[in-house]
Amino acid sequence: MKSLKTTEQFNDTINNDAPVIVKFQAGWCPDCTRMDMFIDPIIEQYDNYQWFDVNRDELPEIAEQYEVMGIPSLLIFKDGVKQAHLHSANAKTPASVIHFLEEQKA
């Protein structure tokens, strides 16, 4: 998962006609570390998305703009528009992440 370090990188990434997932996280966040332990097989399974990572503390204005109140959060973007948001409270297990991604197919 490629890390986005600047607002410009973030905006360039989400303004894509292919769907992208951005994971908002922070190094101090235990739930983020736990997600890192199970996310790789999910990324492989859902390779129709491009996956990116943003440290919420490095780009707080982006997190605020897209209403990321807790981490980890997964946001799906297409053509610069947020399509879906898996909030931190629901992003604790592989099953919850997979359920969220399956809902997007409907």
PDB file of N, CA and C in Angstrom:
ATOM      1  N   MET A   1       0.846  -1.163   0.000  1.00  0.00           N
ATOM      2  CA  MET A   1       0.000   0.000   0.000  1.00  0.00           C
ATOM      3  C   MET A   1       0.896   1.232   0.000  1.00  0.00           C
ATOM      4  N   LYS A   2       0.684   2.082  -0.975  1.00  0.00           N
ATOM      5  CA  LYS A   2       1.517   3.274  -1.101  1.00  0.00           C
ATOM      6  C   LYS A   2       1.016   4.371  -0.164  1.00  0.00           C
ATOM      7  N   SER A   3       1.943   5.035   0.507  1.00  0.00           N
ATOM      8  CA  SER A   3       1.590   6.127   1.409  1.00  0.00           C
ATOM      9  C   SER A   3       1.504   7.444   0.649  1.00  0.00           C
ATOM     10  N   LEU A   4       0.469   8.204   0.964  1.00  0.00           N
ATOM     11  CA  LEU A   4       0.302   9.541   0.396  1.00  0.00           C
ATOM     12  C   LEU A   4       0.748  10.535   1.453  1.00  0.00           C
ATOM     13  N   LYS A   5       1.711  11.386   1.092  1.00  0.00           N
ATOM     14  CA  LYS A   5       2.337  12.265   2.078  1.00  0.00           C
ATOM     15  C   LYS A   5       1.933  13.730   1.958  1.00  0.00           C
ATOM     16  N   THR A   6       1.348  14.112   0.820  1.00  0.00           N
ATOM     17  CA  THR A   6       0.995  15.517   0.618  1.00  0.00           C
ATOM     18  C   THR A   6      -0.456  15.632   0.158  1.00  0.00           C
ATOM     19  N   THR A   7      -1.022  16.806   0.343  1.00  0.00           N
ATOM     20  CA  THR A   7      -2.381  17.071  -0.129  1.00  0.00           C
ATOM     21  C   THR A   7      -2.448  16.911  -1.636  1.00  0.00           C
ATOM     22  N   GLU A   8      -1.419  17.352  -2.325  1.00  0.00           N
ATOM     23  CA  GLU A   8      -1.388  17.225  -3.789  1.00  0.00           C
ATOM     24  C   GLU A   8      -1.416  15.748  -4.209  1.00  0.00           C
ATOM     25  N   GLN A   9      -0.600  14.919  -3.565  1.00  0.00           N
ATOM     26  CA  GLN A   9      -0.619  13.478  -3.865  1.00  0.00           C
ATOM     27  C   GLN A   9      -1.997  12.893  -3.609  1.00  0.00           C
ATOM     28  N   PHE A  10      -2.598  13.276  -2.489  1.00  0.00           N
ATOM     29  CA  PHE A  10      -3.914  12.766  -2.143  1.00  0.00           C
ATOM     30  C   PHE A  10      -4.935  13.145  -3.224  1.00  0.00           C
ATOM     31  N   ASN A  11      -4.977  14.424  -3.581  1.00  0.00           N
ATOM     32  CA  ASN A  11      -5.942  14.887  -4.578  1.00  0.00           C
ATOM     33  C   ASN A  11      -5.712  14.236  -5.934  1.00  0.00           C
ATOM     34  N   ASP A  12      -4.470  14.093  -6.332  1.00  0.00           N
ATOM     35  CA  ASP A  12      -4.168  13.419  -7.604  1.00  0.00           C
ATOM     36  C   ASP A  12      -4.651  11.970  -7.577  1.00  0.00           C
ATOM     37  N   THR A  13      -4.503  11.324  -6.439  1.00  0.00           N
ATOM     38  CA  THR A  13      -4.870   9.912  -6.295  1.00  0.00           C
ATOM     39  C   THR A  13      -6.375   9.711  -6.356  1.00  0.00           C
ATOM     40  N   ILE A  14      -7.131  10.541  -5.637  1.00  0.00           N
ATOM     41  CA  ILE A  14      -8.583  10.311  -5.586  1.00  0.00           C
ATOM     42  C   ILE A  14      -9.287  10.775  -6.859  1.00  0.00           C
ATOM     43  N   ASN A  15      -8.670  11.670  -7.620  1.00  0.00           N
ATOM     44  CA  ASN A  15      -9.268  12.135  -8.872  1.00  0.00           C
ATOM     45  C   ASN A  15      -8.908  11.172  -9.985  1.00  0.00           C
ATOM     46  N   ASN A  16      -9.411   9.968  -9.856  1.00  0.00           N
ATOM     47  CA  ASN A  16      -9.084   8.881 -10.756  1.00  0.00           C
ATOM     48  C   ASN A  16     -10.392   8.227 -11.151  1.00  0.00           C
ATOM     49  N   ASP A  17     -10.498   7.797 -12.406  1.00  0.00           N
ATOM     50  CA  ASP A  17     -11.750   7.148 -12.806  1.00  0.00           C
ATOM     51  C   ASP A  17     -11.830   5.710 -12.309  1.00  0.00           C
ATOM     52  N   ALA A  18     -10.728   5.166 -11.833  1.00  0.00           N
ATOM     53  CA  ALA A  18     -10.738   3.847 -11.195  1.00  0.00           C
ATOM     54  C   ALA A  18     -10.961   4.059  -9.696  1.00  0.00           C
ATOM     55  N   PRO A  19     -11.691   3.144  -9.033  1.00  0.00           N
ATOM     56  CA  PRO A  19     -11.922   3.325  -7.598  1.00  0.00           C
ATOM     57  C   PRO A  19     -10.646   3.113  -6.789  1.00  0.00           C
ATOM     58  N   VAL A  20     -10.471   3.963  -5.794  1.00  0.00           N
ATOM     59  CA  VAL A  20      -9.312   3.842  -4.904  1.00  0.00           C
ATOM     60  C   VAL A  20      -9.803   3.778  -3.463  1.00  0.00           C
ATOM     61  N   ILE A  21      -9.057   3.059  -2.654  1.00  0.00           N
ATOM     62  CA  ILE A  21      -9.325   3.001  -1.217  1.00  0.00           C
ATOM     63  C   ILE A  21      -8.164   3.682  -0.511  1.00  0.00           C
ATOM     64  N   VAL A  22      -8.524   4.585   0.393  1.00  0.00           N
ATOM     65  CA  VAL A  22      -7.523   5.251   1.211  1.00  0.00           C
ATOM     66  C   VAL A  22      -7.767   4.842   2.654  1.00  0.00           C
ATOM     67  N   LYS A  23      -6.729   4.274   3.249  1.00  0.00           N
ATOM     68  CA  LYS A  23      -6.790   3.895   4.668  1.00  0.00           C
ATOM     69  C   LYS A  23      -6.184   5.038   5.484  1.00  0.00           C
ATOM     70  N   PHE A  24      -6.979   5.612   6.356  1.00  0.00           N
ATOM     71  CA  PHE A  24      -6.480   6.634   7.271  1.00  0.00           C
ATOM     72  C   PHE A  24      -6.049   5.933   8.548  1.00  0.00           C
ATOM     73  N   GLN A  25      -4.840   6.243   9.012  1.00  0.00           N
ATOM     74  CA  GLN A  25      -4.266   5.585  10.175  1.00  0.00           C
ATOM     75  C   GLN A  25      -3.264   6.513  10.844  1.00  0.00           C
ATOM     76  N   ALA A  26      -2.658   6.044  11.919  1.00  0.00           N
ATOM     77  CA  ALA A  26      -1.567   6.756  12.589  1.00  0.00           C
ATOM     78  C   ALA A  26      -0.682   5.721  13.271  1.00  0.00           C
ATOM     79  N   GLY A  27       0.592   6.052  13.393  1.00  0.00           N
ATOM     80  CA  GLY A  27       1.555   5.116  13.963  1.00  0.00           C
ATOM     81  C   GLY A  27       1.278   4.743  15.406  1.00  0.00           C
ATOM     82  N   TRP A  28       0.637   5.614  16.162  1.00  0.00           N
ATOM     83  CA  TRP A  28       0.374   5.375  17.581  1.00  0.00           C
ATOM     84  C   TRP A  28      -0.914   4.581  17.823  1.00  0.00           C
ATOM     85  N   CYS A  29      -1.639   4.270  16.775  1.00  0.00           N
ATOM     86  CA  CYS A  29      -2.979   3.683  16.882  1.00  0.00           C
ATOM     87  C   CYS A  29      -2.917   2.148  16.937  1.00  0.00           C
ATOM     88  N   PRO A  30      -3.305   1.526  18.077  1.00  0.00           N
ATOM     89  CA  PRO A  30      -3.229   0.059  18.166  1.00  0.00           C
ATOM     90  C   PRO A  30      -4.180  -0.648  17.192  1.00  0.00           C
ATOM     91  N   ASP A  31      -5.365  -0.090  16.952  1.00  0.00           N
ATOM     92  CA  ASP A  31      -6.289  -0.722  16.004  1.00  0.00           C
ATOM     93  C   ASP A  31      -5.753  -0.663  14.577  1.00  0.00           C
ATOM     94  N   CYS A  32      -4.988   0.390  14.271  1.00  0.00           N
ATOM     95  CA  CYS A  32      -4.364   0.505  12.945  1.00  0.00           C
ATOM     96  C   CYS A  32      -3.308  -0.580  12.770  1.00  0.00           C
ATOM     97  N   THR A  33      -2.518  -0.808  13.810  1.00  0.00           N
ATOM     98  CA  THR A  33      -1.503  -1.854  13.769  1.00  0.00           C
ATOM     99  C   THR A  33      -2.159  -3.219  13.599  1.00  0.00           C
ATOM    100  N   ARG A  34      -3.285  -3.412  14.277  1.00  0.00           N
ATOM    101  CA  ARG A  34      -4.000  -4.681  14.160  1.00  0.00           C
ATOM    102  C   ARG A  34      -4.532  -4.860  12.737  1.00  0.00           C
ATOM    103  N   MET A  35      -5.058  -3.794  12.143  1.00  0.00           N
ATOM    104  CA  MET A  35      -5.545  -3.893  10.770  1.00  0.00           C
ATOM    105  C   MET A  35      -4.394  -4.244   9.821  1.00  0.00           C
ATOM    106  N   ASP A  36      -3.240  -3.654  10.053  1.00  0.00           N
ATOM    107  CA  ASP A  36      -2.072  -3.953   9.205  1.00  0.00           C
ATOM    108  C   ASP A  36      -1.751  -5.448   9.219  1.00  0.00           C
ATOM    109  N   MET A  37      -2.065  -6.136  10.308  1.00  0.00           N
ATOM    110  CA  MET A  37      -1.751  -7.557  10.420  1.00  0.00           C
ATOM    111  C   MET A  37      -2.687  -8.422   9.578  1.00  0.00           C
ATOM    112  N   PHE A  38      -3.891  -7.902   9.223  1.00  0.00           N
ATOM    113  CA  PHE A  38      -4.818  -8.731   8.439  1.00  0.00           C
ATOM    114  C   PHE A  38      -5.184  -8.159   7.070  1.00  0.00           C
ATOM    115  N   ILE A  39      -4.698  -6.979   6.727  1.00  0.00           N
ATOM    116  CA  ILE A  39      -5.210  -6.315   5.520  1.00  0.00           C
ATOM    117  C   ILE A  39      -4.613  -6.855   4.215  1.00  0.00           C
ATOM    118  N   ASP A  40      -3.389  -7.370   4.215  1.00  0.00           N
ATOM    119  CA  ASP A  40      -2.738  -7.777   2.955  1.00  0.00           C
ATOM    120  C   ASP A  40      -3.541  -8.798   2.142  1.00  0.00           C
ATOM    121  N   PRO A  41      -4.065  -9.873   2.736  1.00  0.00           N
ATOM    122  CA  PRO A  41      -4.873 -10.796   1.926  1.00  0.00           C
ATOM    123  C   PRO A  41      -6.144 -10.135   1.371  1.00  0.00           C
ATOM    124  N   ILE A  42      -6.699  -9.190   2.115  1.00  0.00           N
ATOM    125  CA  ILE A  42      -7.891  -8.478   1.646  1.00  0.00           C
ATOM    126  C   ILE A  42      -7.528  -7.608   0.447  1.00  0.00           C
ATOM    127  N   ILE A  43      -6.387  -6.950   0.502  1.00  0.00           N
ATOM    128  CA  ILE A  43      -5.922  -6.128  -0.630  1.00  0.00           C
ATOM    129  C   ILE A  43      -5.755  -7.005  -1.863  1.00  0.00           C
ATOM    130  N   GLU A  44      -5.189  -8.193  -1.684  1.00  0.00           N
ATOM    131  CA  GLU A  44      -5.016  -9.110  -2.821  1.00  0.00           C
ATOM    132  C   GLU A  44      -6.352  -9.563  -3.381  1.00  0.00           C
ATOM    133  N   GLN A  45      -7.307  -9.836  -2.499  1.00  0.00           N
ATOM    134  CA  GLN A  45      -8.621 -10.302  -2.928  1.00  0.00           C
ATOM    135  C   GLN A  45      -9.407  -9.200  -3.634  1.00  0.00           C
ATOM    136  N   TYR A  46      -9.275  -7.982  -3.180  1.00  0.00           N
ATOM    137  CA  TYR A  46     -10.011  -6.846  -3.746  1.00  0.00           C
ATOM    138  C   TYR A  46      -9.060  -5.968  -4.557  1.00  0.00           C
ATOM    139  N   ASP A  47      -8.450  -6.586  -5.552  1.00  0.00           N
ATOM    140  CA  ASP A  47      -7.456  -5.879  -6.362  1.00  0.00           C
ATOM    141  C   ASP A  47      -8.095  -5.021  -7.460  1.00  0.00           C
ATOM    142  N   ASN A  48      -9.433  -4.967  -7.484  1.00  0.00           N
ATOM    143  CA  ASN A  48     -10.099  -4.039  -8.393  1.00  0.00           C
ATOM    144  C   ASN A  48      -9.965  -2.606  -7.892  1.00  0.00           C
ATOM    145  N   TYR A  49      -9.495  -2.448  -6.654  1.00  0.00           N
ATOM    146  CA  TYR A  49      -9.208  -1.139  -6.078  1.00  0.00           C
ATOM    147  C   TYR A  49      -7.700  -0.902  -6.067  1.00  0.00           C
ATOM    148  N   GLN A  50      -7.327   0.361  -6.171  1.00  0.00           N
ATOM    149  CA  GLN A  50      -5.964   0.755  -5.850  1.00  0.00           C
ATOM    150  C   GLN A  50      -6.002   1.176  -4.380  1.00  0.00           C
ATOM    151  N   TRP A  51      -5.037   0.704  -3.604  1.00  0.00           N
ATOM    152  CA  TRP A  51      -5.036   0.924  -2.155  1.00  0.00           C
ATOM    153  C   TRP A  51      -3.945   1.909  -1.766  1.00  0.00           C
ATOM    154  N   PHE A  52      -4.302   2.869  -0.906  1.00  0.00           N
ATOM    155  CA  PHE A  52      -3.360   3.875  -0.429  1.00  0.00           C
ATOM    156  C   PHE A  52      -3.538   4.080   1.065  1.00  0.00           C
ATOM    157  N   ASP A  53      -2.561   4.735   1.639  1.00  0.00           N
ATOM    158  CA  ASP A  53      -2.473   4.913   3.074  1.00  0.00           C
ATOM    159  C   ASP A  53      -2.185   6.386   3.359  1.00  0.00           C
ATOM    160  N   VAL A  54      -2.882   6.950   4.350  1.00  0.00           N
ATOM    161  CA  VAL A  54      -2.623   8.327   4.784  1.00  0.00           C
ATOM    162  C   VAL A  54      -2.460   8.322   6.298  1.00  0.00           C
ATOM    163  N   ASN A  55      -1.378   8.936   6.760  1.00  0.00           N
ATOM    164  CA  ASN A  55      -1.213   9.137   8.197  1.00  0.00           C
ATOM    165  C   ASN A  55      -2.054  10.347   8.576  1.00  0.00           C
ATOM    166  N   ARG A  56      -3.083  10.109   9.342  1.00  0.00           N
ATOM    167  CA  ARG A  56      -4.034  11.144   9.703  1.00  0.00           C
ATOM    168  C   ARG A  56      -3.357  12.340  10.372  1.00  0.00           C
ATOM    169  N   ASP A  57      -2.288  12.092  11.109  1.00  0.00           N
ATOM    170  CA  ASP A  57      -1.590  13.171  11.803  1.00  0.00           C
ATOM    171  C   ASP A  57      -0.755  14.027  10.855  1.00  0.00           C
ATOM    172  N   GLU A  58      -0.366  13.462   9.706  1.00  0.00           N
ATOM    173  CA  GLU A  58       0.427  14.224   8.731  1.00  0.00           C
ATOM    174  C   GLU A  58      -0.449  15.097   7.839  1.00  0.00           C
ATOM    175  N   LEU A  59      -1.705  14.661   7.616  1.00  0.00           N
ATOM    176  CA  LEU A  59      -2.625  15.421   6.767  1.00  0.00           C
ATOM    177  C   LEU A  59      -3.965  15.625   7.485  1.00  0.00           C
ATOM    178  N   PRO A  60      -3.947  16.311   8.633  1.00  0.00           N
ATOM    179  CA  PRO A  60      -5.184  16.450   9.416  1.00  0.00           C
ATOM    180  C   PRO A  60      -6.287  17.191   8.667  1.00  0.00           C
ATOM    181  N   GLU A  61      -5.910  18.111   7.788  1.00  0.00           N
ATOM    182  CA  GLU A  61      -6.933  18.863   7.053  1.00  0.00           C
ATOM    183  C   GLU A  61      -7.701  17.962   6.083  1.00  0.00           C
ATOM    184  N   ILE A  62      -7.030  16.957   5.535  1.00  0.00           N
ATOM    185  CA  ILE A  62      -7.699  15.994   4.644  1.00  0.00           C
ATOM    186  C   ILE A  62      -8.643  15.122   5.468  1.00  0.00           C
ATOM    187  N   ALA A  63      -8.163  14.654   6.613  1.00  0.00           N
ATOM    188  CA  ALA A  63      -9.008  13.831   7.484  1.00  0.00           C
ATOM    189  C   ALA A  63     -10.255  14.606   7.895  1.00  0.00           C
ATOM    190  N   GLU A  64     -10.087  15.854   8.232  1.00  0.00           N
ATOM    191  CA  GLU A  64     -11.232  16.675   8.634  1.00  0.00           C
ATOM    192  C   GLU A  64     -12.186  16.893   7.462  1.00  0.00           C
ATOM    193  N   GLN A  65     -11.641  17.180   6.295  1.00  0.00           N
ATOM    194  CA  GLN A  65     -12.463  17.431   5.108  1.00  0.00           C
ATOM    195  C   GLN A  65     -13.369  16.241   4.786  1.00  0.00           C
ATOM    196  N   TYR A  66     -12.848  15.025   4.986  1.00  0.00           N
ATOM    197  CA  TYR A  66     -13.609  13.821   4.648  1.00  0.00           C
ATOM    198  C   TYR A  66     -14.223  13.139   5.871  1.00  0.00           C
ATOM    199  N   GLU A  67     -14.303  13.880   6.979  1.00  0.00           N
ATOM    200  CA  GLU A  67     -14.992  13.449   8.188  1.00  0.00           C
ATOM    201  C   GLU A  67     -14.450  12.149   8.773  1.00  0.00           C
ATOM    202  N   VAL A  68     -13.134  12.040   8.780  1.00  0.00           N
ATOM    203  CA  VAL A  68     -12.476  10.896   9.417  1.00  0.00           C
ATOM    204  C   VAL A  68     -12.294  11.255  10.890  1.00  0.00           C
ATOM    205  N   MET A  69     -13.210  10.760  11.704  1.00  0.00           N
ATOM    206  CA  MET A  69     -13.202  11.087  13.128  1.00  0.00           C
ATOM    207  C   MET A  69     -12.453  10.055  13.956  1.00  0.00           C
ATOM    208  N   GLY A  70     -12.299   8.853  13.415  1.00  0.00           N
ATOM    209  CA  GLY A  70     -11.588   7.790  14.116  1.00  0.00           C
ATOM    210  C   GLY A  70     -10.751   7.001  13.130  1.00  0.00           C
ATOM    211  N   ILE A  71      -9.760   6.324  13.659  1.00  0.00           N
ATOM    212  CA  ILE A  71      -8.877   5.524  12.809  1.00  0.00           C
ATOM    213  C   ILE A  71      -8.756   4.123  13.393  1.00  0.00           C
ATOM    214  N   PRO A  72      -8.522   3.126  12.555  1.00  0.00           N
ATOM    215  CA  PRO A  72      -8.396   3.217  11.104  1.00  0.00           C
ATOM    216  C   PRO A  72      -9.768   3.381  10.440  1.00  0.00           C
ATOM    217  N   SER A  73      -9.770   4.101   9.346  1.00  0.00           N
ATOM    218  CA  SER A  73     -10.963   4.253   8.523  1.00  0.00           C
ATOM    219  C   SER A  73     -10.577   3.980   7.082  1.00  0.00           C
ATOM    220  N   LEU A  74     -11.476   3.348   6.354  1.00  0.00           N
ATOM    221  CA  LEU A  74     -11.274   3.100   4.926  1.00  0.00           C
ATOM    222  C   LEU A  74     -12.284   3.936   4.156  1.00  0.00           C
ATOM    223  N   LEU A  75     -11.788   4.725   3.203  1.00  0.00           N
ATOM    224  CA  LEU A  75     -12.645   5.542   2.364  1.00  0.00           C
ATOM    225  C   LEU A  75     -12.448   5.123   0.915  1.00  0.00           C
ATOM    226  N   ILE A  76     -13.543   4.998   0.197  1.00  0.00           N
ATOM    227  CA  ILE A  76     -13.485   4.664  -1.223  1.00  0.00           C
ATOM    228  C   ILE A  76     -13.811   5.922  -2.009  1.00  0.00           C
ATOM    229  N   PHE A  77     -12.949   6.221  -2.972  1.00  0.00           N
ATOM    230  CA  PHE A  77     -13.130   7.384  -3.841  1.00  0.00           C
ATOM    231  C   PHE A  77     -13.175   6.950  -5.296  1.00  0.00           C
ATOM    232  N   LYS A  78     -13.935   7.692  -6.066  1.00  0.00           N
ATOM    233  CA  LYS A  78     -13.934   7.535  -7.525  1.00  0.00           C
ATOM    234  C   LYS A  78     -14.224   8.895  -8.108  1.00  0.00           C
ATOM    235  N   ASP A  79     -13.420   9.288  -9.091  1.00  0.00           N
ATOM    236  CA  ASP A  79     -13.577  10.596  -9.742  1.00  0.00           C
ATOM    237  C   ASP A  79     -13.589  11.744  -8.732  1.00  0.00           C
ATOM    238  N   GLY A  80     -12.796  11.620  -7.665  1.00  0.00           N
ATOM    239  CA  GLY A  80     -12.673  12.681  -6.678  1.00  0.00           C
ATOM    240  C   GLY A  80     -13.796  12.761  -5.666  1.00  0.00           C
ATOM    241  N   VAL A  81     -14.736  11.822  -5.724  1.00  0.00           N
ATOM    242  CA  VAL A  81     -15.891  11.847  -4.829  1.00  0.00           C
ATOM    243  C   VAL A  81     -15.827  10.658  -3.879  1.00  0.00           C
ATOM    244  N   LYS A  82     -16.075  10.927  -2.593  1.00  0.00           N
ATOM    245  CA  LYS A  82     -16.121   9.837  -1.613  1.00  0.00           C
ATOM    246  C   LYS A  82     -17.377   9.016  -1.861  1.00  0.00           C
ATOM    247  N   GLN A  83     -17.182   7.725  -2.135  1.00  0.00           N
ATOM    248  CA  GLN A  83     -18.285   6.815  -2.433  1.00  0.00           C
ATOM    249  C   GLN A  83     -18.766   6.058  -1.192  1.00  0.00           C
ATOM    250  N   ALA A  84     -17.836   5.772  -0.280  1.00  0.00           N
ATOM    251  CA  ALA A  84     -18.175   4.984   0.905  1.00  0.00           C
ATOM    252  C   ALA A  84     -17.122   5.230   1.974  1.00  0.00           C
ATOM    253  N   HIS A  85     -17.518   4.971   3.232  1.00  0.00           N
ATOM    254  CA  HIS A  85     -16.631   5.235   4.370  1.00  0.00           C
ATOM    255  C   HIS A  85     -16.875   4.148   5.416  1.00  0.00           C
ATOM    256  N   LEU A  86     -15.846   3.365   5.681  1.00  0.00           N
ATOM    257  CA  LEU A  86     -15.899   2.392   6.773  1.00  0.00           C
ATOM    258  C   LEU A  86     -15.279   3.061   7.990  1.00  0.00           C
ATOM    259  N   HIS A  87     -16.130   3.417   8.938  1.00  0.00           N
ATOM    260  CA  HIS A  87     -15.679   4.138  10.126  1.00  0.00           C
ATOM    261  C   HIS A  87     -14.903   3.209  11.053  1.00  0.00           C
ATOM    262  N   SER A  88     -14.060   3.793  11.850  1.00  0.00           N
ATOM    263  CA  SER A  88     -13.145   3.041  12.710  1.00  0.00           C
ATOM    264  C   SER A  88     -13.844   2.028  13.598  1.00  0.00           C
ATOM    265  N   ALA A  89     -15.010   2.356  14.117  1.00  0.00           N
ATOM    266  CA  ALA A  89     -15.714   1.435  15.018  1.00  0.00           C
ATOM    267  C   ALA A  89     -16.087   0.132  14.315  1.00  0.00           C
ATOM    268  N   ASN A  90     -16.204   0.186  12.986  1.00  0.00           N
ATOM    269  CA  ASN A  90     -16.600  -0.995  12.209  1.00  0.00           C
ATOM    270  C   ASN A  90     -15.438  -1.600  11.423  1.00  0.00           C
ATOM    271  N   ALA A  91     -14.229  -1.167  11.708  1.00  0.00           N
ATOM    272  CA  ALA A  91     -13.063  -1.617  10.937  1.00  0.00           C
ATOM    273  C   ALA A  91     -12.085  -2.418  11.790  1.00  0.00           C
ATOM    274  N   LYS A  92     -12.615  -3.202  12.711  1.00  0.00           N
ATOM    275  CA  LYS A  92     -11.752  -3.881  13.677  1.00  0.00           C
ATOM    276  C   LYS A  92     -11.369  -5.305  13.300  1.00  0.00           C
ATOM    277  N   THR A  93     -12.122  -5.913  12.372  1.00  0.00           N
ATOM    278  CA  THR A  93     -11.860  -7.316  12.043  1.00  0.00           C
ATOM    279  C   THR A  93     -11.817  -7.509  10.532  1.00  0.00           C
ATOM    280  N   PRO A  94     -11.158  -8.584  10.085  1.00  0.00           N
ATOM    281  CA  PRO A  94     -11.174  -8.889   8.639  1.00  0.00           C
ATOM    282  C   PRO A  94     -12.602  -9.048   8.122  1.00  0.00           C
ATOM    283  N   ALA A  95     -13.460  -9.694   8.904  1.00  0.00           N
ATOM    284  CA  ALA A  95     -14.842  -9.923   8.469  1.00  0.00           C
ATOM    285  C   ALA A  95     -15.576  -8.600   8.248  1.00  0.00           C
ATOM    286  N   SER A  96     -15.357  -7.624   9.121  1.00  0.00           N
ATOM    287  CA  SER A  96     -16.058  -6.347   8.967  1.00  0.00           C
ATOM    288  C   SER A  96     -15.558  -5.587   7.740  1.00  0.00           C
ATOM    289  N   VAL A  97     -14.270  -5.674   7.462  1.00  0.00           N
ATOM    290  CA  VAL A  97     -13.717  -5.012   6.274  1.00  0.00           C
ATOM    291  C   VAL A  97     -14.243  -5.683   5.005  1.00  0.00           C
ATOM    292  N   ILE A  98     -14.250  -7.007   5.000  1.00  0.00           N
ATOM    293  CA  ILE A  98     -14.752  -7.743   3.825  1.00  0.00           C
ATOM    294  C   ILE A  98     -16.241  -7.460   3.622  1.00  0.00           C
ATOM    295  N   HIS A  99     -17.018  -7.430   4.686  1.00  0.00           N
ATOM    296  CA  HIS A  99     -18.439  -7.122   4.589  1.00  0.00           C
ATOM    297  C   HIS A  99     -18.640  -5.742   3.949  1.00  0.00           C
ATOM    298  N   PHE A 100     -17.884  -4.758   4.401  1.00  0.00           N
ATOM    299  CA  PHE A 100     -17.943  -3.409   3.837  1.00  0.00           C
ATOM    300  C   PHE A 100     -17.644  -3.429   2.335  1.00  0.00           C
ATOM    301  N   LEU A 101     -16.584  -4.137   1.941  1.00  0.00           N
ATOM    302  CA  LEU A 101     -16.197  -4.176   0.521  1.00  0.00           C
ATOM    303  C   LEU A 101     -17.241  -4.914  -0.309  1.00  0.00           C
ATOM    304  N   GLU A 102     -17.820  -5.965   0.247  1.00  0.00           N
ATOM    305  CA  GLU A 102     -18.872  -6.698  -0.473  1.00  0.00           C
ATOM    306  C   GLU A 102     -20.121  -5.835  -0.672  1.00  0.00           C
ATOM    307  N   GLU A 103     -20.418  -4.998   0.316  1.00  0.00           N
ATOM    308  CA  GLU A 103     -21.578  -4.103   0.189  1.00  0.00           C
ATOM    309  C   GLU A 103     -21.412  -3.127  -0.973  1.00  0.00           C
ATOM    310  N   GLN A 104     -20.174  -2.803  -1.302  1.00  0.00           N
ATOM    311  CA  GLN A 104     -19.927  -1.830  -2.381  1.00  0.00           C
ATOM    312  C   GLN A 104     -20.199  -2.424  -3.755  1.00  0.00           C
ATOM    313  N   LYS A 105     -20.234  -3.744  -3.837  1.00  0.00           N
ATOM    314  CA  LYS A 105     -20.477  -4.410  -5.124  1.00  0.00           C
ATOM    315  C   LYS A 105     -21.961  -4.358  -5.509  1.00  0.00           C
ATOM    316  N   ALA A 106     -22.811  -4.228  -4.513  1.00  0.00           N
ATOM    317  CA  ALA A 106     -24.269  -4.294  -4.754  1.00  0.00           C
ATOM    318  C   ALA A 106     -24.762  -3.122  -5.581  1.00  0.00           C
TER     319      ALA A 106
END
